[in-house]
Amino acid sequence: MHLSSELALLEGTGIQAVHFDVMDGCFVPVMTVGPPFIKAVKTRFLKDVHLMIQNPEATLREYVLAGSDIITVHIEACEDVRSILRTLGAMDNANEQGRGLVRGVALNPDTSLELLKPLLDDIEMIVVLAVNPRMKGFPFLDSIGDRFAEVKDMVTSAGKDTLLCLDGGVKRANIVAMARMGADVLVSGSAIYDGKSPRENAQFMLDAVKSQIK
């Protein structure tokens, strides 16, 4: 319950966003936070909100008003994902009038990547999960490199500049391998906030990523 001071430790490191895992206890078995919590977080970091919730259209506006800069919805959780994405595309960013939102879609590891193709014109980011959030313990997907490469090829072939995000299981031990895959965004939690030295951990992760940038 000291999120403000914990986030302040990372200012100036080069980290640019704070990632919120919003879980409803329905789409995934865990329950976490909602719009009031996200709104209460005062930070200069971008707010990257990952909605792991069933039927996100019901509360979408609340998350926008809470100050989200990036909103990601799960293809599996939406009845009409394209409609949701287009609704987001027409909404203003609550942090700055006239600035839009980055619209993301996420897929669980067992979801067909073919579902992405009809959505490429309506998204700015694809979140490739390296863990299955519906399974106890969030087991790591060993074949994530092949899956990520397939997404990257799909985006390149379509001539899009969509941001690619890797989320789940990003640790100190594998950060170089993950960075080599060419993701634009890497999400990491416990590898940074280990209860000891979050600033040093963050710098280690960032330096590892920079070492792979040609």
C-alpha atoms as a PDB file:
ATOM      1  CA  MET A   1       0.000   0.000   0.000  1.00  0.00           C
ATOM      2  CA  HIS A   2       2.926   2.340  -0.690  1.00  0.00           C
ATOM      3  CA  LEU A   3       2.537   2.445  -4.466  1.00  0.00           C
ATOM      4  CA  SER A   4       3.339   6.146  -4.815  1.00  0.00           C
ATOM      5  CA  SER A   5       6.707   5.830  -3.132  1.00  0.00           C
ATOM      6  CA  GLU A   6       7.428   2.525  -4.875  1.00  0.00           C
ATOM      7  CA  LEU A   7       6.817   4.097  -8.288  1.00  0.00           C
ATOM      8  CA  ALA A   8       8.890   7.143  -7.365  1.00  0.00           C
ATOM      9  CA  LEU A   9      11.887   4.837  -6.946  1.00  0.00           C
ATOM     10  CA  LEU A  10      11.780   4.143 -10.691  1.00  0.00           C
ATOM     11  CA  GLU A  11      11.620   7.751 -11.874  1.00  0.00           C
ATOM     12  CA  GLY A  12      14.589   8.682 -13.990  1.00  0.00           C
ATOM     13  CA  THR A  13      15.538   5.102 -14.822  1.00  0.00           C
ATOM     14  CA  GLY A  14      14.050   5.212 -18.320  1.00  0.00           C
ATOM     15  CA  ILE A  15      10.951   3.176 -17.550  1.00  0.00           C
ATOM     16  CA  GLN A  16       8.037   4.876 -19.264  1.00  0.00           C
ATOM     17  CA  ALA A  17       4.847   3.138 -18.117  1.00  0.00           C
ATOM     18  CA  VAL A  18       3.225   1.442 -15.158  1.00  0.00           C
ATOM     19  CA  HIS A  19       1.262  -1.671 -16.100  1.00  0.00           C
ATOM     20  CA  PHE A  20      -1.981  -2.461 -14.266  1.00  0.00           C
ATOM     21  CA  ASP A  21      -3.288  -6.034 -14.417  1.00  0.00           C
ATOM     22  CA  VAL A  22      -7.047  -5.666 -13.962  1.00  0.00           C
ATOM     23  CA  MET A  23      -8.547  -9.061 -13.115  1.00  0.00           C
ATOM     24  CA  ASP A  24     -12.203  -9.692 -12.316  1.00  0.00           C
ATOM     25  CA  GLY A  25     -12.216 -13.179 -10.825  1.00  0.00           C
ATOM     26  CA  CYS A  26     -14.373 -14.333 -13.768  1.00  0.00           C
ATOM     27  CA  PHE A  27     -12.328 -14.170 -16.957  1.00  0.00           C
ATOM     28  CA  VAL A  28      -9.342 -15.149 -14.823  1.00  0.00           C
ATOM     29  CA  PRO A  29      -9.485 -16.731 -11.342  1.00  0.00           C
ATOM     30  CA  VAL A  30      -7.759 -13.825  -9.592  1.00  0.00           C
ATOM     31  CA  MET A  31      -9.307 -10.476  -8.628  1.00  0.00           C
ATOM     32  CA  THR A  32      -7.180  -7.334  -8.437  1.00  0.00           C
ATOM     33  CA  VAL A  33      -8.032  -3.638  -8.893  1.00  0.00           C
ATOM     34  CA  GLY A  34     -10.515  -1.423 -10.724  1.00  0.00           C
ATOM     35  CA  PRO A  35     -10.996   2.178 -11.940  1.00  0.00           C
ATOM     36  CA  PRO A  36     -10.904   3.908  -8.508  1.00  0.00           C
ATOM     37  CA  PHE A  37      -7.501   2.395  -7.759  1.00  0.00           C
ATOM     38  CA  ILE A  38      -6.076   3.326 -11.168  1.00  0.00           C
ATOM     39  CA  LYS A  39      -7.430   6.865 -10.889  1.00  0.00           C
ATOM     40  CA  ALA A  40      -5.924   7.270  -7.420  1.00  0.00           C
ATOM     41  CA  VAL A  41      -2.407   6.522  -8.657  1.00  0.00           C
ATOM     42  CA  LYS A  42      -0.711   9.872  -9.283  1.00  0.00           C
ATOM     43  CA  THR A  43       2.298   9.356 -11.520  1.00  0.00           C
ATOM     44  CA  ARG A  44       4.174  10.789 -14.478  1.00  0.00           C
ATOM     45  CA  PHE A  45       4.387   7.324 -16.009  1.00  0.00           C
ATOM     46  CA  LEU A  46       1.950   6.334 -18.717  1.00  0.00           C
ATOM     47  CA  LYS A  47      -0.856   4.195 -17.344  1.00  0.00           C
ATOM     48  CA  ASP A  48      -0.933   0.926 -19.264  1.00  0.00           C
ATOM     49  CA  VAL A  49      -4.163  -0.859 -18.307  1.00  0.00           C
ATOM     50  CA  HIS A  50      -4.526  -4.540 -19.207  1.00  0.00           C
ATOM     51  CA  LEU A  51      -8.176  -5.544 -18.848  1.00  0.00           C
ATOM     52  CA  MET A  52      -8.389  -9.240 -18.058  1.00  0.00           C
ATOM     53  CA  ILE A  53     -12.123  -8.947 -17.493  1.00  0.00           C
ATOM     54  CA  GLN A  54     -15.259 -10.368 -19.054  1.00  0.00           C
ATOM     55  CA  ASN A  55     -17.300  -7.987 -21.238  1.00  0.00           C
ATOM     56  CA  PRO A  56     -15.009  -4.931 -20.838  1.00  0.00           C
ATOM     57  CA  GLU A  57     -17.434  -2.737 -22.808  1.00  0.00           C
ATOM     58  CA  ALA A  58     -19.586  -2.379 -19.674  1.00  0.00           C
ATOM     59  CA  THR A  59     -16.904  -0.443 -17.771  1.00  0.00           C
ATOM     60  CA  LEU A  60     -14.691   0.808 -20.580  1.00  0.00           C
ATOM     61  CA  ARG A  61     -15.485   4.486 -20.042  1.00  0.00           C
ATOM     62  CA  GLU A  62     -14.641   4.230 -16.342  1.00  0.00           C
ATOM     63  CA  TYR A  63     -11.141   3.024 -17.171  1.00  0.00           C
ATOM     64  CA  VAL A  64     -10.659   5.841 -19.666  1.00  0.00           C
ATOM     65  CA  LEU A  65     -11.789   8.420 -17.091  1.00  0.00           C
ATOM     66  CA  ALA A  66      -9.392   6.838 -14.570  1.00  0.00           C
ATOM     67  CA  GLY A  67      -6.527   8.154 -16.689  1.00  0.00           C
ATOM     68  CA  SER A  68      -5.561   5.183 -18.844  1.00  0.00           C
ATOM     69  CA  ASP A  69      -3.131   5.984 -21.656  1.00  0.00           C
ATOM     70  CA  ILE A  70      -3.101   2.436 -23.015  1.00  0.00           C
ATOM     71  CA  ILE A  71      -6.035   0.051 -22.755  1.00  0.00           C
ATOM     72  CA  THR A  72      -5.728  -3.594 -23.743  1.00  0.00           C
ATOM     73  CA  VAL A  73      -8.691  -5.928 -24.004  1.00  0.00           C
ATOM     74  CA  HIS A  74      -8.706  -9.690 -24.482  1.00  0.00           C
ATOM     75  CA  ILE A  75     -10.124 -11.052 -27.706  1.00  0.00           C
ATOM     76  CA  GLU A  76     -11.540 -14.011 -25.755  1.00  0.00           C
ATOM     77  CA  ALA A  77     -13.444 -11.757 -23.333  1.00  0.00           C
ATOM     78  CA  CYS A  78     -15.323  -9.625 -25.881  1.00  0.00           C
ATOM     79  CA  GLU A  79     -18.528 -10.302 -27.777  1.00  0.00           C
ATOM     80  CA  ASP A  80     -17.584  -7.694 -30.398  1.00  0.00           C
ATOM     81  CA  VAL A  81     -13.940  -6.725 -30.004  1.00  0.00           C
ATOM     82  CA  ARG A  82     -13.865  -4.515 -33.124  1.00  0.00           C
ATOM     83  CA  SER A  83     -16.733  -2.411 -31.781  1.00  0.00           C
ATOM     84  CA  ILE A  84     -14.880  -1.945 -28.487  1.00  0.00           C
ATOM     85  CA  LEU A  85     -11.708  -0.900 -30.277  1.00  0.00           C
ATOM     86  CA  ARG A  86     -13.558   1.619 -32.413  1.00  0.00           C
ATOM     87  CA  THR A  87     -15.292   3.027 -29.349  1.00  0.00           C
ATOM     88  CA  LEU A  88     -11.873   3.529 -27.748  1.00  0.00           C
ATOM     89  CA  GLY A  89     -10.606   5.125 -30.953  1.00  0.00           C
ATOM     90  CA  ALA A  90     -13.260   7.821 -30.692  1.00  0.00           C
ATOM     91  CA  MET A  91     -12.533   8.657 -27.031  1.00  0.00           C
ATOM     92  CA  ASP A  92     -10.258  11.367 -25.654  1.00  0.00           C
ATOM     93  CA  ASN A  93      -7.461  10.659 -23.219  1.00  0.00           C
ATOM     94  CA  ALA A  94      -8.575  11.987 -19.807  1.00  0.00           C
ATOM     95  CA  ASN A  95      -5.026  13.169 -19.103  1.00  0.00           C
ATOM     96  CA  GLU A  96      -4.899  15.544 -22.062  1.00  0.00           C
ATOM     97  CA  GLN A  97      -7.781  16.687 -24.220  1.00  0.00           C
ATOM     98  CA  GLY A  98      -7.268  15.928 -27.889  1.00  0.00           C
ATOM     99  CA  ARG A  99      -4.848  13.082 -27.229  1.00  0.00           C
ATOM    100  CA  GLY A 100      -6.191   9.641 -27.972  1.00  0.00           C
ATOM    101  CA  LEU A 101      -5.598   6.241 -26.453  1.00  0.00           C
ATOM    102  CA  VAL A 102      -3.320   3.418 -27.472  1.00  0.00           C
ATOM    103  CA  ARG A 103      -5.650   0.494 -28.190  1.00  0.00           C
ATOM    104  CA  GLY A 104      -4.301  -2.968 -27.489  1.00  0.00           C
ATOM    105  CA  VAL A 105      -5.526  -6.521 -27.870  1.00  0.00           C
ATOM    106  CA  ALA A 106      -4.197  -9.504 -25.962  1.00  0.00           C
ATOM    107  CA  LEU A 107      -4.464 -13.208 -26.644  1.00  0.00           C
ATOM    108  CA  ASN A 108      -4.070 -16.110 -24.264  1.00  0.00           C
ATOM    109  CA  PRO A 109      -1.387 -18.631 -25.326  1.00  0.00           C
ATOM    110  CA  ASP A 110      -3.978 -21.138 -26.557  1.00  0.00           C
ATOM    111  CA  THR A 111      -5.879 -18.630 -28.736  1.00  0.00           C
ATOM    112  CA  SER A 112      -5.432 -18.694 -32.511  1.00  0.00           C
ATOM    113  CA  LEU A 113      -3.389 -15.799 -33.874  1.00  0.00           C
ATOM    114  CA  GLU A 114      -5.646 -15.750 -36.941  1.00  0.00           C
ATOM    115  CA  LEU A 115      -8.124 -13.760 -34.859  1.00  0.00           C
ATOM    116  CA  LEU A 116      -5.731 -10.801 -35.024  1.00  0.00           C
ATOM    117  CA  LYS A 117      -5.852 -10.316 -38.786  1.00  0.00           C
ATOM    118  CA  PRO A 118      -9.276  -8.593 -39.034  1.00  0.00           C
ATOM    119  CA  LEU A 119      -8.310  -6.219 -36.190  1.00  0.00           C
ATOM    120  CA  LEU A 120      -5.019  -4.829 -37.489  1.00  0.00           C
ATOM    121  CA  ASP A 121      -6.598  -1.594 -38.750  1.00  0.00           C
ATOM    122  CA  ASP A 122      -8.089  -0.844 -35.321  1.00  0.00           C
ATOM    123  CA  ILE A 123      -5.210  -1.487 -32.924  1.00  0.00           C
ATOM    124  CA  GLU A 124      -1.961   0.191 -31.976  1.00  0.00           C
ATOM    125  CA  MET A 125      -0.570  -2.621 -29.808  1.00  0.00           C
ATOM    126  CA  ILE A 126      -0.655  -6.414 -29.603  1.00  0.00           C
ATOM    127  CA  VAL A 127       0.083  -8.051 -26.257  1.00  0.00           C
ATOM    128  CA  VAL A 128       1.556 -11.540 -26.598  1.00  0.00           C
ATOM    129  CA  LEU A 129       1.219 -13.374 -23.313  1.00  0.00           C
ATOM    130  CA  ALA A 130       4.063 -15.660 -22.293  1.00  0.00           C
ATOM    131  CA  VAL A 131       1.946 -17.072 -19.450  1.00  0.00           C
ATOM    132  CA  ASN A 132      -1.605 -18.344 -19.268  1.00  0.00           C
ATOM    133  CA  PRO A 133      -3.490 -16.097 -16.798  1.00  0.00           C
ATOM    134  CA  ARG A 134      -6.292 -18.665 -16.510  1.00  0.00           C
ATOM    135  CA  MET A 135      -3.993 -21.354 -15.113  1.00  0.00           C
ATOM    136  CA  LYS A 136      -2.883 -21.561 -11.510  1.00  0.00           C
ATOM    137  CA  GLY A 137       0.658 -20.321 -11.028  1.00  0.00           C
ATOM    138  CA  PHE A 138       0.758 -18.656 -14.474  1.00  0.00           C
ATOM    139  CA  PRO A 139       3.019 -21.276 -16.136  1.00  0.00           C
ATOM    140  CA  PHE A 140       5.521 -19.887 -18.654  1.00  0.00           C
ATOM    141  CA  LEU A 141       5.030 -20.731 -22.345  1.00  0.00           C
ATOM    142  CA  ASP A 142       8.299 -22.238 -23.590  1.00  0.00           C
ATOM    143  CA  SER A 143       7.357 -21.733 -27.250  1.00  0.00           C
ATOM    144  CA  ILE A 144       6.776 -17.991 -26.818  1.00  0.00           C
ATOM    145  CA  GLY A 145       9.604 -17.159 -29.254  1.00  0.00           C
ATOM    146  CA  ASP A 146       7.881 -18.937 -32.141  1.00  0.00           C
ATOM    147  CA  ARG A 147       4.501 -17.427 -31.290  1.00  0.00           C
ATOM    148  CA  PHE A 148       5.924 -13.923 -31.026  1.00  0.00           C
ATOM    149  CA  ALA A 149       7.760 -14.314 -34.346  1.00  0.00           C
ATOM    150  CA  GLU A 150       4.490 -15.327 -36.004  1.00  0.00           C
ATOM    151  CA  VAL A 151       2.774 -12.184 -34.697  1.00  0.00           C
ATOM    152  CA  LYS A 152       5.691 -10.035 -35.830  1.00  0.00           C
ATOM    153  CA  ASP A 153       5.585 -11.540 -39.329  1.00  0.00           C
ATOM    154  CA  MET A 154       1.836 -10.968 -39.515  1.00  0.00           C
ATOM    155  CA  VAL A 155       2.192  -7.286 -38.622  1.00  0.00           C
ATOM    156  CA  THR A 156       5.122  -6.750 -41.002  1.00  0.00           C
ATOM    157  CA  SER A 157       3.311  -8.485 -43.884  1.00  0.00           C
ATOM    158  CA  ALA A 158       0.299  -6.218 -43.328  1.00  0.00           C
ATOM    159  CA  GLY A 159       2.531  -3.129 -43.505  1.00  0.00           C
ATOM    160  CA  LYS A 160       1.582  -1.995 -40.000  1.00  0.00           C
ATOM    161  CA  ASP A 161       3.738  -0.325 -37.346  1.00  0.00           C
ATOM    162  CA  THR A 162       1.763  -1.858 -34.481  1.00  0.00           C
ATOM    163  CA  LEU A 163       3.557  -1.956 -31.139  1.00  0.00           C
ATOM    164  CA  LEU A 164       4.381  -5.481 -29.970  1.00  0.00           C
ATOM    165  CA  CYS A 165       4.351  -6.243 -26.257  1.00  0.00           C
ATOM    166  CA  LEU A 166       5.618  -9.312 -24.376  1.00  0.00           C
ATOM    167  CA  ASP A 167       3.919  -9.837 -21.041  1.00  0.00           C
ATOM    168  CA  GLY A 168       4.506 -12.510 -18.420  1.00  0.00           C
ATOM    169  CA  GLY A 169       7.559 -14.258 -17.040  1.00  0.00           C
ATOM    170  CA  VAL A 170       9.995 -11.489 -18.012  1.00  0.00           C
ATOM    171  CA  LYS A 171      12.837 -12.032 -15.521  1.00  0.00           C
ATOM    172  CA  ARG A 172      16.468 -11.080 -15.049  1.00  0.00           C
ATOM    173  CA  ALA A 173      17.504 -14.542 -16.273  1.00  0.00           C
ATOM    174  CA  ASN A 174      15.669 -14.268 -19.603  1.00  0.00           C
ATOM    175  CA  ILE A 175      15.496 -10.523 -20.281  1.00  0.00           C
ATOM    176  CA  VAL A 176      18.204 -10.668 -22.981  1.00  0.00           C
ATOM    177  CA  ALA A 177      16.436 -13.515 -24.801  1.00  0.00           C
ATOM    178  CA  MET A 178      13.116 -11.684 -24.544  1.00  0.00           C
ATOM    179  CA  ALA A 179      14.647  -8.440 -25.813  1.00  0.00           C
ATOM    180  CA  ARG A 180      16.168 -10.261 -28.798  1.00  0.00           C
ATOM    181  CA  MET A 181      12.684 -11.150 -29.991  1.00  0.00           C
ATOM    182  CA  GLY A 182      12.184  -7.485 -30.894  1.00  0.00           C
ATOM    183  CA  ALA A 183       9.328  -6.436 -28.629  1.00  0.00           C
ATOM    184  CA  ASP A 184       8.600  -2.718 -28.329  1.00  0.00           C
ATOM    185  CA  VAL A 185       7.207  -3.141 -24.811  1.00  0.00           C
ATOM    186  CA  LEU A 186       8.283  -5.621 -22.116  1.00  0.00           C
ATOM    187  CA  VAL A 187       6.198  -6.035 -18.971  1.00  0.00           C
ATOM    188  CA  SER A 188       7.966  -7.107 -15.800  1.00  0.00           C
ATOM    189  CA  GLY A 189       6.788  -7.176 -12.203  1.00  0.00           C
ATOM    190  CA  SER A 190       8.436  -9.390  -9.598  1.00  0.00           C
ATOM    191  CA  ALA A 191      11.834  -9.190 -11.313  1.00  0.00           C
ATOM    192  CA  ILE A 192      11.845  -5.483 -10.450  1.00  0.00           C
ATOM    193  CA  TYR A 193       9.862  -5.401  -7.226  1.00  0.00           C
ATOM    194  CA  ASP A 194      11.617  -8.189  -5.346  1.00  0.00           C
ATOM    195  CA  GLY A 195      11.445  -6.456  -1.986  1.00  0.00           C
ATOM    196  CA  LYS A 196      15.125  -5.507  -2.131  1.00  0.00           C
ATOM    197  CA  SER A 197      16.329  -3.086  -4.795  1.00  0.00           C
ATOM    198  CA  PRO A 198      13.713  -2.178  -7.400  1.00  0.00           C
ATOM    199  CA  ARG A 199      15.704   0.716  -8.873  1.00  0.00           C
ATOM    200  CA  GLU A 200      18.810  -1.429  -9.412  1.00  0.00           C
ATOM    201  CA  ASN A 201      16.672  -4.244 -10.841  1.00  0.00           C
ATOM    202  CA  ALA A 202      14.972  -1.865 -13.238  1.00  0.00           C
ATOM    203  CA  GLN A 203      18.312  -0.492 -14.399  1.00  0.00           C
ATOM    204  CA  PHE A 204      19.618  -4.033 -14.957  1.00  0.00           C
ATOM    205  CA  MET A 205      16.574  -4.888 -17.094  1.00  0.00           C
ATOM    206  CA  LEU A 206      16.790  -1.665 -19.103  1.00  0.00           C
ATOM    207  CA  ASP A 207      20.532  -2.068 -19.714  1.00  0.00           C
ATOM    208  CA  ALA A 208      19.912  -5.620 -20.926  1.00  0.00           C
ATOM    209  CA  VAL A 209      17.271  -4.377 -23.374  1.00  0.00           C
ATOM    210  CA  LYS A 210      19.515  -1.562 -24.635  1.00  0.00           C
ATOM    211  CA  SER A 211      22.317  -4.064 -25.255  1.00  0.00           C
ATOM    212  CA  GLN A 212      20.112  -5.755 -27.865  1.00  0.00           C
ATOM    213  CA  ILE A 213      19.138  -2.610 -29.756  1.00  0.00           C
ATOM    214  CA  LYS A 214      21.065  -2.376 -32.995  1.00  0.00           C
END
